[in-house]
Amino acid sequence: MGDLLFQLFSMLVMVGFVTVFIYILVSYLNRSKKSSTIEDKLDRIIELLEQERKKE
């Protein structure tokens, strides 16, 4: 009975590590997408401001 519990515990630990790794990877990818959209918006704002300066 103890061997079975140890195997189950070991499997749960391994599955937990894989789950945590996937969660960290997905959250990192989502952050990089958000930051790229913010950078794109800031670039657009800068372009508009430069266009306004040229008009004056």
C-alpha atoms as a PDB file:
ATOM      1  CA  MET A   1       0.000   0.000   0.000  1.00  0.00           C
ATOM      2  CA  GLY A   2       2.855   2.379   0.787  1.00  0.00           C
ATOM      3  CA  ASP A   3       4.465   1.774  -2.602  1.00  0.00           C
ATOM      4  CA  LEU A   4       1.207   2.627  -4.365  1.00  0.00           C
ATOM      5  CA  LEU A   5       0.825   5.857  -2.403  1.00  0.00           C
ATOM      6  CA  PHE A   6       4.427   6.805  -3.149  1.00  0.00           C
ATOM      7  CA  GLN A   7       3.918   6.215  -6.889  1.00  0.00           C
ATOM      8  CA  LEU A   8       0.722   8.270  -6.905  1.00  0.00           C
ATOM      9  CA  PHE A   9       2.435  11.072  -5.015  1.00  0.00           C
ATOM     10  CA  SER A  10       5.407  10.991  -7.398  1.00  0.00           C
ATOM     11  CA  MET A  11       3.115  11.151 -10.429  1.00  0.00           C
ATOM     12  CA  LEU A  12       1.179  14.058  -8.949  1.00  0.00           C
ATOM     13  CA  VAL A  13       4.422  15.950  -8.324  1.00  0.00           C
ATOM     14  CA  MET A  14       5.551  15.402 -11.928  1.00  0.00           C
ATOM     15  CA  VAL A  15       2.169  16.476 -13.312  1.00  0.00           C
ATOM     16  CA  GLY A  16       2.295  19.517 -11.047  1.00  0.00           C
ATOM     17  CA  PHE A  17       5.707  20.561 -12.387  1.00  0.00           C
ATOM     18  CA  VAL A  18       4.514  20.222 -15.980  1.00  0.00           C
ATOM     19  CA  THR A  19       1.344  22.191 -15.214  1.00  0.00           C
ATOM     20  CA  VAL A  20       3.285  24.995 -13.532  1.00  0.00           C
ATOM     21  CA  PHE A  21       5.753  25.139 -16.441  1.00  0.00           C
ATOM     22  CA  ILE A  22       2.933  25.385 -19.000  1.00  0.00           C
ATOM     23  CA  TYR A  23       1.172  28.058 -16.913  1.00  0.00           C
ATOM     24  CA  ILE A  24       4.349  30.156 -16.699  1.00  0.00           C
ATOM     25  CA  LEU A  25       4.960  29.781 -20.436  1.00  0.00           C
ATOM     26  CA  VAL A  26       1.410  30.810 -21.362  1.00  0.00           C
ATOM     27  CA  SER A  27       1.414  33.795 -19.008  1.00  0.00           C
ATOM     28  CA  TYR A  28       4.768  34.959 -20.420  1.00  0.00           C
ATOM     29  CA  LEU A  29       3.452  34.724 -23.981  1.00  0.00           C
ATOM     30  CA  ASN A  30       0.317  36.677 -23.054  1.00  0.00           C
ATOM     31  CA  ARG A  31       2.408  39.428 -21.447  1.00  0.00           C
ATOM     32  CA  SER A  32       4.599  39.753 -24.522  1.00  0.00           C
ATOM     33  CA  LYS A  33       1.513  40.131 -26.742  1.00  0.00           C
ATOM     34  CA  LYS A  34       0.097  42.847 -24.477  1.00  0.00           C
ATOM     35  CA  SER A  35       3.338  44.776 -24.398  1.00  0.00           C
ATOM     36  CA  SER A  36       3.647  44.649 -28.189  1.00  0.00           C
ATOM     37  CA  THR A  37       0.145  46.088 -28.624  1.00  0.00           C
ATOM     38  CA  ILE A  38       0.940  48.863 -26.157  1.00  0.00           C
ATOM     39  CA  GLU A  39       4.150  49.606 -28.058  1.00  0.00           C
ATOM     40  CA  ASP A  40       2.201  49.750 -31.318  1.00  0.00           C
ATOM     41  CA  LYS A  41      -0.273  52.203 -29.810  1.00  0.00           C
ATOM     42  CA  LEU A  42       2.527  54.394 -28.475  1.00  0.00           C
ATOM     43  CA  ASP A  43       4.216  54.382 -31.882  1.00  0.00           C
ATOM     44  CA  ARG A  44       0.942  55.497 -33.477  1.00  0.00           C
ATOM     45  CA  ILE A  45       0.557  58.326 -30.940  1.00  0.00           C
ATOM     46  CA  ILE A  46       4.112  59.491 -31.616  1.00  0.00           C
ATOM     47  CA  GLU A  47       3.443  59.486 -35.363  1.00  0.00           C
ATOM     48  CA  LEU A  48       0.301  61.577 -34.890  1.00  0.00           C
ATOM     49  CA  LEU A  49       2.135  64.067 -32.679  1.00  0.00           C
ATOM     50  CA  GLU A  50       4.909  64.409 -35.249  1.00  0.00           C
ATOM     51  CA  GLN A  51       2.338  65.017 -37.973  1.00  0.00           C
ATOM     52  CA  GLU A  52       0.741  67.767 -35.873  1.00  0.00           C
ATOM     53  CA  ARG A  53       4.123  69.454 -35.384  1.00  0.00           C
ATOM     54  CA  LYS A  54       4.767  69.426 -39.119  1.00  0.00           C
ATOM     55  CA  LYS A  55       1.394  71.094 -39.801  1.00  0.00           C
ATOM     56  CA  GLU A  56       2.235  73.993 -37.475  1.00  0.00           C
END
